PDB file of N, CA and C in Angstrom:
ATOM      1  N   UNK A   1     -39.326 -38.628  51.403  1.00  0.00           N
ATOM      2  CA  UNK A   1     -38.226 -38.553  52.406  1.00  0.00           C
ATOM      3  C   UNK A   1     -38.353 -37.523  53.499  1.00  0.00           C
ATOM      4  N   UNK A   2     -37.686 -37.236  54.886  1.00  0.00           N
ATOM      5  CA  UNK A   2     -38.266 -36.018  55.385  1.00  0.00           C
ATOM      6  C   UNK A   2     -36.909 -35.140  55.342  1.00  0.00           C
ATOM      7  N   UNK A   3     -37.523 -33.714  54.642  1.00  0.00           N
ATOM      8  CA  UNK A   3     -36.894 -32.601  54.822  1.00  0.00           C
ATOM      9  C   UNK A   3     -34.760 -33.004  54.971  1.00  0.00           C
ATOM     10  N   UNK A   4     -35.302 -33.059  56.702  1.00  0.00           N
ATOM     11  CA  UNK A   4     -34.301 -33.056  57.686  1.00  0.00           C
ATOM     12  C   UNK A   4     -33.359 -33.702  57.825  1.00  0.00           C
ATOM     13  N   UNK A   5     -33.767 -35.157  56.988  1.00  0.00           N
ATOM     14  CA  UNK A   5     -32.708 -36.621  57.085  1.00  0.00           C
ATOM     15  C   UNK A   5     -32.538 -36.398  55.079  1.00  0.00           C
ATOM     16  N   UNK A   6     -33.221 -35.627  54.366  1.00  0.00           N
ATOM     17  CA  UNK A   6     -32.188 -35.500  53.438  1.00  0.00           C
ATOM     18  C   UNK A   6     -30.791 -34.577  53.523  1.00  0.00           C
ATOM     19  N   UNK A   7     -31.211 -33.322  54.247  1.00  0.00           N
ATOM     20  CA  UNK A   7     -30.056 -32.648  54.222  1.00  0.00           C
ATOM     21  C   UNK A   7     -28.552 -33.002  55.039  1.00  0.00           C
ATOM     22  N   UNK A   8     -29.609 -33.981  56.331  1.00  0.00           N
ATOM     23  CA  UNK A   8     -28.527 -34.697  56.955  1.00  0.00           C
ATOM     24  C   UNK A   8     -27.226 -35.814  56.208  1.00  0.00           C
ATOM     25  N   UNK A   9     -27.975 -36.343  55.194  1.00  0.00           N
ATOM     26  CA  UNK A   9     -27.793 -37.289  54.722  1.00  0.00           C
ATOM     27  C   UNK A   9     -26.038 -36.571  53.242  1.00  0.00           C
ATOM     28  N   UNK A  10     -26.584 -35.301  52.944  1.00  0.00           N
ATOM     29  CA  UNK A  10     -25.961 -34.423  51.921  1.00  0.00           C
ATOM     30  C   UNK A  10     -24.898 -34.261  52.848  1.00  0.00           C
ATOM     31  N   UNK A  11     -25.178 -33.754  54.047  1.00  0.00           N
ATOM     32  CA  UNK A  11     -24.103 -32.923  55.213  1.00  0.00           C
ATOM     33  C   UNK A  11     -23.163 -34.412  55.143  1.00  0.00           C
ATOM     34  N   UNK A  12     -23.873 -35.637  55.307  1.00  0.00           N
ATOM     35  CA  UNK A  12     -22.648 -36.434  55.608  1.00  0.00           C
ATOM     36  C   UNK A  12     -21.793 -37.187  54.450  1.00  0.00           C
ATOM     37  N   UNK A  13     -22.727 -37.283  53.471  1.00  0.00           N
ATOM     38  CA  UNK A  13     -21.911 -37.891  52.347  1.00  0.00           C
ATOM     39  C   UNK A  13     -20.310 -36.147  51.834  1.00  0.00           C
ATOM     40  N   UNK A  14     -20.706 -34.879  51.657  1.00  0.00           N
ATOM     41  CA  UNK A  14     -19.897 -33.954  51.734  1.00  0.00           C
ATOM     42  C   UNK A  14     -18.986 -34.140  53.022  1.00  0.00           C
ATOM     43  N   UNK A  15     -19.017 -34.560  54.195  1.00  0.00           N
ATOM     44  CA  UNK A  15     -18.363 -34.600  55.525  1.00  0.00           C
ATOM     45  C   UNK A  15     -17.196 -35.658  54.648  1.00  0.00           C
ATOM     46  N   UNK A  16     -17.643 -37.052  54.514  1.00  0.00           N
ATOM     47  CA  UNK A  16     -17.122 -38.133  53.431  1.00  0.00           C
ATOM     48  C   UNK A  16     -16.179 -37.800  52.295  1.00  0.00           C
ATOM     49  N   UNK A  17     -16.648 -36.831  51.903  1.00  0.00           N
ATOM     50  CA  UNK A  17     -15.612 -36.658  51.044  1.00  0.00           C
ATOM     51  C   UNK A  17     -14.953 -35.870  50.742  1.00  0.00           C
ATOM     52  N   UNK A  18     -15.146 -34.926  52.261  1.00  0.00           N
ATOM     53  CA  UNK A  18     -13.596 -34.106  52.254  1.00  0.00           C
ATOM     54  C   UNK A  18     -12.933 -34.941  52.961  1.00  0.00           C
ATOM     55  N   UNK A  19     -13.187 -35.616  54.699  1.00  0.00           N
ATOM     56  CA  UNK A  19     -12.342 -36.975  55.434  1.00  0.00           C
ATOM     57  C   UNK A  19     -11.592 -37.530  54.284  1.00  0.00           C
ATOM     58  N   UNK A  20     -11.762 -37.703  53.049  1.00  0.00           N
ATOM     59  CA  UNK A  20     -10.748 -38.662  51.617  1.00  0.00           C
ATOM     60  C   UNK A  20      -9.838 -37.446  50.998  1.00  0.00           C
ATOM     61  N   UNK A  21     -10.730 -36.258  51.011  1.00  0.00           N
ATOM     62  CA  UNK A  21      -9.435 -35.539  50.206  1.00  0.00           C
ATOM     63  C   UNK A  21      -8.498 -35.291  51.404  1.00  0.00           C
ATOM     64  N   UNK A  22      -8.480 -35.175  52.549  1.00  0.00           N
ATOM     65  CA  UNK A  22      -7.555 -34.605  53.694  1.00  0.00           C
ATOM     66  C   UNK A  22      -7.161 -35.716  53.640  1.00  0.00           C
ATOM     67  N   UNK A  23      -7.452 -37.190  53.742  1.00  0.00           N
ATOM     68  CA  UNK A  23      -6.392 -37.926  53.723  1.00  0.00           C
ATOM     69  C   UNK A  23      -5.580 -38.198  52.601  1.00  0.00           C
ATOM     70  N   UNK A  24      -6.372 -38.343  51.643  1.00  0.00           N
ATOM     71  CA  UNK A  24      -5.565 -38.714  50.507  1.00  0.00           C
ATOM     72  C   UNK A  24      -4.232 -37.258  50.374  1.00  0.00           C
ATOM     73  N   UNK A  25      -4.433 -36.171  50.753  1.00  0.00           N
ATOM     74  CA  UNK A  25      -3.442 -35.374  50.901  1.00  0.00           C
ATOM     75  C   UNK A  25      -2.661 -35.777  52.426  1.00  0.00           C
ATOM     76  N   UNK A  26      -2.877 -35.370  53.212  1.00  0.00           N
ATOM     77  CA  UNK A  26      -2.431 -36.188  53.878  1.00  0.00           C
ATOM     78  C   UNK A  26      -1.552 -37.833  53.760  1.00  0.00           C
ATOM     79  N   UNK A  27      -1.681 -38.240  53.047  1.00  0.00           N
ATOM     80  CA  UNK A  27      -0.552 -39.885  52.438  1.00  0.00           C
ATOM     81  C   UNK A  27       0.297 -38.916  51.872  1.00  0.00           C
ATOM     82  N   UNK A  28      -0.467 -38.267  50.862  1.00  0.00           N
ATOM     83  CA  UNK A  28       1.215 -37.267  49.992  1.00  0.00           C
ATOM     84  C   UNK A  28       2.067 -36.683  50.753  1.00  0.00           C
ATOM     85  N   UNK A  29       1.887 -36.134  52.144  1.00  0.00           N
ATOM     86  CA  UNK A  29       2.250 -35.569  52.607  1.00  0.00           C
ATOM     87  C   UNK A  29       3.842 -36.424  53.311  1.00  0.00           C
ATOM     88  N   UNK A  30       2.718 -37.158  54.071  1.00  0.00           N
ATOM     89  CA  UNK A  30       3.857 -37.755  54.805  1.00  0.00           C
ATOM     90  C   UNK A  30       5.112 -38.526  53.707  1.00  0.00           C
ATOM     91  N   UNK A  31       4.427 -39.007  52.521  1.00  0.00           N
ATOM     92  CA  UNK A  31       5.616 -39.569  51.683  1.00  0.00           C
ATOM     93  C   UNK A  31       6.402 -37.697  50.825  1.00  0.00           C
ATOM     94  N   UNK A  32       5.903 -37.078  51.257  1.00  0.00           N
ATOM     95  CA  UNK A  32       6.929 -35.420  51.028  1.00  0.00           C
ATOM     96  C   UNK A  32       7.864 -35.746  52.214  1.00  0.00           C
ATOM     97  N   UNK A  33       7.423 -36.250  53.209  1.00  0.00           N
ATOM     98  CA  UNK A  33       7.988 -35.312  54.608  1.00  0.00           C
ATOM     99  C   UNK A  33       9.478 -37.154  54.573  1.00  0.00           C
ATOM    100  N   UNK A  34       9.341 -37.845  54.253  1.00  0.00           N
ATOM    101  CA  UNK A  34       9.920 -38.861  53.794  1.00  0.00           C
ATOM    102  C   UNK A  34      11.052 -38.544  53.181  1.00  0.00           C
ATOM    103  N   UNK A  35      10.858 -38.345  51.695  1.00  0.00           N
ATOM    104  CA  UNK A  35      12.044 -37.886  50.976  1.00  0.00           C
ATOM    105  C   UNK A  35      12.774 -36.661  51.438  1.00  0.00           C
ATOM    106  N   UNK A  36      11.782 -35.553  52.149  1.00  0.00           N
ATOM    107  CA  UNK A  36      12.977 -34.487  52.969  1.00  0.00           C
ATOM    108  C   UNK A  36      14.350 -34.471  54.324  1.00  0.00           C
ATOM    109  N   UNK A  37      13.376 -35.351  54.833  1.00  0.00           N
ATOM    110  CA  UNK A  37      13.681 -36.136  55.466  1.00  0.00           C
ATOM    111  C   UNK A  37      14.966 -37.805  55.313  1.00  0.00           C
ATOM    112  N   UNK A  38      15.373 -37.784  54.443  1.00  0.00           N
ATOM    113  CA  UNK A  38      16.208 -38.615  53.713  1.00  0.00           C
ATOM    114  C   UNK A  38      17.119 -39.402  54.899  1.00  0.00           C
ATOM    115  N   UNK A  39      17.144 -40.302  55.822  1.00  0.00           N
ATOM    116  CA  UNK A  39      18.206 -40.576  56.690  1.00  0.00           C
ATOM    117  C   UNK A  39      19.631 -40.687  56.125  1.00  0.00           C
ATOM    118  N   UNK A  40      19.342 -41.099  54.883  1.00  0.00           N
ATOM    119  CA  UNK A  40      20.925 -41.802  54.063  1.00  0.00           C
ATOM    120  C   UNK A  40      21.823 -39.853  53.885  1.00  0.00           C
ATOM    121  N   UNK A  41      20.834 -39.009  53.696  1.00  0.00           N
ATOM    122  CA  UNK A  41      20.888 -37.927  53.147  1.00  0.00           C
ATOM    123  C   UNK A  41      22.261 -37.214  54.475  1.00  0.00           C
ATOM    124  N   UNK A  42      23.138 -35.847  53.294  1.00  0.00           N
ATOM    125  CA  UNK A  42      24.139 -36.207  54.508  1.00  0.00           C
ATOM    126  C   UNK A  42      22.631 -34.224  55.607  1.00  0.00           C
ATOM    127  N   UNK A  43      23.396 -34.443  56.858  1.00  0.00           N
ATOM    128  CA  UNK A  43      22.403 -33.258  57.766  1.00  0.00           C
ATOM    129  C   UNK A  43      21.718 -31.480  56.758  1.00  0.00           C
ATOM    130  N   UNK A  44      23.652 -31.601  56.576  1.00  0.00           N
ATOM    131  CA  UNK A  44      23.447 -29.899  56.131  1.00  0.00           C
ATOM    132  C   UNK A  44      22.414 -30.013  54.338  1.00  0.00           C
ATOM    133  N   UNK A  45      22.529 -30.745  54.473  1.00  0.00           N
ATOM    134  CA  UNK A  45      21.621 -31.245  52.662  1.00  0.00           C
ATOM    135  C   UNK A  45      19.656 -31.335  53.303  1.00  0.00           C
ATOM    136  N   UNK A  46      19.266 -31.217  54.158  1.00  0.00           N
ATOM    137  CA  UNK A  46      18.192 -31.210  54.074  1.00  0.00           C
ATOM    138  C   UNK A  46      17.065 -30.352  54.049  1.00  0.00           C
ATOM    139  N   UNK A  47      16.368 -29.932  53.128  1.00  0.00           N
ATOM    140  CA  UNK A  47      15.535 -28.861  53.495  1.00  0.00           C
ATOM    141  C   UNK A  47      14.313 -29.204  54.989  1.00  0.00           C
ATOM    142  N   UNK A  48      15.284 -28.834  55.792  1.00  0.00           N
ATOM    143  CA  UNK A  48      14.351 -28.145  56.927  1.00  0.00           C
ATOM    144  C   UNK A  48      12.754 -27.621  57.079  1.00  0.00           C
ATOM    145  N   UNK A  49      12.967 -26.541  56.779  1.00  0.00           N
ATOM    146  CA  UNK A  49      12.282 -25.437  56.071  1.00  0.00           C
ATOM    147  C   UNK A  49      10.931 -25.960  55.330  1.00  0.00           C
ATOM    148  N   UNK A  50      11.282 -26.299  54.040  1.00  0.00           N
ATOM    149  CA  UNK A  50      10.190 -26.763  53.643  1.00  0.00           C
ATOM    150  C   UNK A  50       9.792 -28.220  54.601  1.00  0.00           C
ATOM    151  N   UNK A  51      10.421 -29.054  54.736  1.00  0.00           N
ATOM    152  CA  UNK A  51       9.871 -30.097  55.937  1.00  0.00           C
ATOM    153  C   UNK A  51       9.324 -29.532  56.873  1.00  0.00           C
ATOM    154  N   UNK A  52       9.221 -28.832  58.138  1.00  0.00           N
ATOM    155  CA  UNK A  52       8.267 -28.106  58.347  1.00  0.00           C
ATOM    156  C   UNK A  52       7.671 -27.820  58.155  1.00  0.00           C
ATOM    157  N   UNK A  53       7.791 -26.928  56.716  1.00  0.00           N
ATOM    158  CA  UNK A  53       6.132 -26.261  56.629  1.00  0.00           C
ATOM    159  C   UNK A  53       5.002 -27.396  56.204  1.00  0.00           C
ATOM    160  N   UNK A  54       5.942 -28.973  55.599  1.00  0.00           N
ATOM    161  CA  UNK A  54       5.341 -29.713  55.366  1.00  0.00           C
ATOM    162  C   UNK A  54       4.587 -30.145  56.405  1.00  0.00           C
ATOM    163  N   UNK A  55       5.938 -30.053  57.751  1.00  0.00           N
ATOM    164  CA  UNK A  55       4.621 -30.876  58.459  1.00  0.00           C
ATOM    165  C   UNK A  55       3.260 -30.142  59.808  1.00  0.00           C
ATOM    166  N   UNK A  56       3.430 -28.847  59.504  1.00  0.00           N
ATOM    167  CA  UNK A  56       2.591 -27.563  59.679  1.00  0.00           C
ATOM    168  C   UNK A  56       1.570 -28.312  59.135  1.00  0.00           C
ATOM    169  N   UNK A  57       1.148 -28.472  57.429  1.00  0.00           N
ATOM    170  CA  UNK A  57       0.393 -28.821  56.985  1.00  0.00           C
ATOM    171  C   UNK A  57      -0.325 -30.713  57.620  1.00  0.00           C
ATOM    172  N   UNK A  58       0.915 -30.857  57.508  1.00  0.00           N
ATOM    173  CA  UNK A  58      -0.475 -32.187  58.351  1.00  0.00           C
ATOM    174  C   UNK A  58      -0.244 -32.124  59.285  1.00  0.00           C
ATOM    175  N   UNK A  59      -0.654 -31.945  60.313  1.00  0.00           N
ATOM    176  CA  UNK A  59      -0.318 -30.742  61.877  1.00  0.00           C
ATOM    177  C   UNK A  59      -2.127 -30.418  61.523  1.00  0.00           C
ATOM    178  N   UNK A  60      -2.185 -29.725  60.972  1.00  0.00           N
ATOM    179  CA  UNK A  60      -3.953 -28.509  60.357  1.00  0.00           C
ATOM    180  C   UNK A  60      -4.313 -29.880  59.634  1.00  0.00           C
ATOM    181  N   UNK A  61      -4.188 -31.008  58.821  1.00  0.00           N
ATOM    182  CA  UNK A  61      -4.721 -31.677  57.992  1.00  0.00           C
ATOM    183  C   UNK A  61      -5.409 -33.576  59.760  1.00  0.00           C
ATOM    184  N   UNK A  62      -4.900 -33.409  59.650  1.00  0.00           N
ATOM    185  CA  UNK A  62      -4.914 -34.569  60.913  1.00  0.00           C
ATOM    186  C   UNK A  62      -5.698 -33.467  62.064  1.00  0.00           C
ATOM    187  N   UNK A  63      -5.578 -32.519  61.950  1.00  0.00           N
ATOM    188  CA  UNK A  63      -7.013 -31.629  63.522  1.00  0.00           C
ATOM    189  C   UNK A  63      -7.983 -32.144  62.756  1.00  0.00           C
ATOM    190  N   UNK A  64      -8.027 -31.666  61.533  1.00  0.00           N
ATOM    191  CA  UNK A  64      -9.574 -31.633  60.430  1.00  0.00           C
ATOM    192  C   UNK A  64     -10.166 -32.919  60.462  1.00  0.00           C
ATOM    193  N   UNK A  65      -9.187 -33.609  60.101  1.00  0.00           N
ATOM    194  CA  UNK A  65      -9.643 -35.472  60.491  1.00  0.00           C
ATOM    195  C   UNK A  65     -10.375 -35.689  61.496  1.00  0.00           C
ATOM    196  N   UNK A  66      -9.619 -35.484  62.455  1.00  0.00           N
ATOM    197  CA  UNK A  66     -10.305 -35.430  63.661  1.00  0.00           C
ATOM    198  C   UNK A  66     -11.367 -35.028  63.849  1.00  0.00           C
ATOM    199  N   UNK A  67     -11.801 -33.984  64.318  1.00  0.00           N
ATOM    200  CA  UNK A  67     -12.696 -33.155  63.785  1.00  0.00           C
ATOM    201  C   UNK A  67     -14.055 -33.635  62.485  1.00  0.00           C
ATOM    202  N   UNK A  68     -13.279 -34.105  62.074  1.00  0.00           N
ATOM    203  CA  UNK A  68     -14.466 -34.334  60.765  1.00  0.00           C
ATOM    204  C   UNK A  68     -15.049 -36.204  61.042  1.00  0.00           C
ATOM    205  N   UNK A  69     -14.399 -37.088  61.429  1.00  0.00           N
ATOM    206  CA  UNK A  69     -14.011 -38.111  62.030  1.00  0.00           C
ATOM    207  C   UNK A  69     -15.365 -38.362  63.099  1.00  0.00           C
ATOM    208  N   UNK A  70     -15.438 -36.994  64.203  1.00  0.00           N
ATOM    209  CA  UNK A  70     -16.643 -36.975  65.067  1.00  0.00           C
ATOM    210  C   UNK A  70     -17.729 -36.797  64.870  1.00  0.00           C
ATOM    211  N   UNK A  71     -17.531 -35.832  63.701  1.00  0.00           N
ATOM    212  CA  UNK A  71     -18.678 -35.380  63.325  1.00  0.00           C
ATOM    213  C   UNK A  71     -19.677 -36.582  62.187  1.00  0.00           C
ATOM    214  N   UNK A  72     -18.899 -36.959  61.377  1.00  0.00           N
ATOM    215  CA  UNK A  72     -19.323 -38.121  60.370  1.00  0.00           C
ATOM    216  C   UNK A  72     -19.787 -38.838  60.978  1.00  0.00           C
ATOM    217  N   UNK A  73     -19.505 -39.366  62.903  1.00  0.00           N
ATOM    218  CA  UNK A  73     -19.841 -40.456  63.581  1.00  0.00           C
ATOM    219  C   UNK A  73     -21.531 -39.890  64.188  1.00  0.00           C
ATOM    220  N   UNK A  74     -21.318 -38.571  64.376  1.00  0.00           N
ATOM    221  CA  UNK A  74     -22.463 -38.569  64.858  1.00  0.00           C
ATOM    222  C   UNK A  74     -23.482 -37.981  63.883  1.00  0.00           C
ATOM    223  N   UNK A  75     -23.242 -37.697  63.107  1.00  0.00           N
ATOM    224  CA  UNK A  75     -24.480 -37.548  61.537  1.00  0.00           C
ATOM    225  C   UNK A  75     -24.594 -39.148  61.463  1.00  0.00           C
ATOM    226  N   UNK A  76     -24.191 -40.010  61.068  1.00  0.00           N
ATOM    227  CA  UNK A  76     -24.571 -41.355  61.105  1.00  0.00           C
ATOM    228  C   UNK A  76     -25.602 -42.031  62.095  1.00  0.00           C
ATOM    229  N   UNK A  77     -24.990 -41.665  63.739  1.00  0.00           N
ATOM    230  CA  UNK A  77     -25.853 -41.738  64.472  1.00  0.00           C
ATOM    231  C   UNK A  77     -26.785 -41.423  63.991  1.00  0.00           C
ATOM    232  N   UNK A  78     -27.411 -39.822  63.687  1.00  0.00           N
ATOM    233  CA  UNK A  78     -28.592 -39.787  63.947  1.00  0.00           C
ATOM    234  C   UNK A  78     -29.332 -40.012  62.803  1.00  0.00           C
ATOM    235  N   UNK A  79     -28.416 -40.717  61.760  1.00  0.00           N
ATOM    236  CA  UNK A  79     -29.634 -41.157  60.390  1.00  0.00           C
ATOM    237  C   UNK A  79     -29.941 -42.405  60.824  1.00  0.00           C
ATOM    238  N   UNK A  80     -29.323 -42.965  61.971  1.00  0.00           N
ATOM    239  CA  UNK A  80     -29.394 -44.765  62.313  1.00  0.00           C
ATOM    240  C   UNK A  80     -31.332 -44.440  62.543  1.00  0.00           C
TER     241      UNK A  80
END
């Protein structure tokens, strides 16, 4: 097999694995945000600093996932 093709396959596998890890982390952060922003809790009891930090991390993950998604699609097209 062509060495360049092997490298592309390795890069694709690595990108997909990173995508999965980020997706799993994002899902956990969404659950955490739902807990932190409990609509039944008193407003004064909400931990908005923690919710804000969690949202910022979630936003970074979504940006990374979007970049990875594009990269994965390009790699898959190159391997066709």
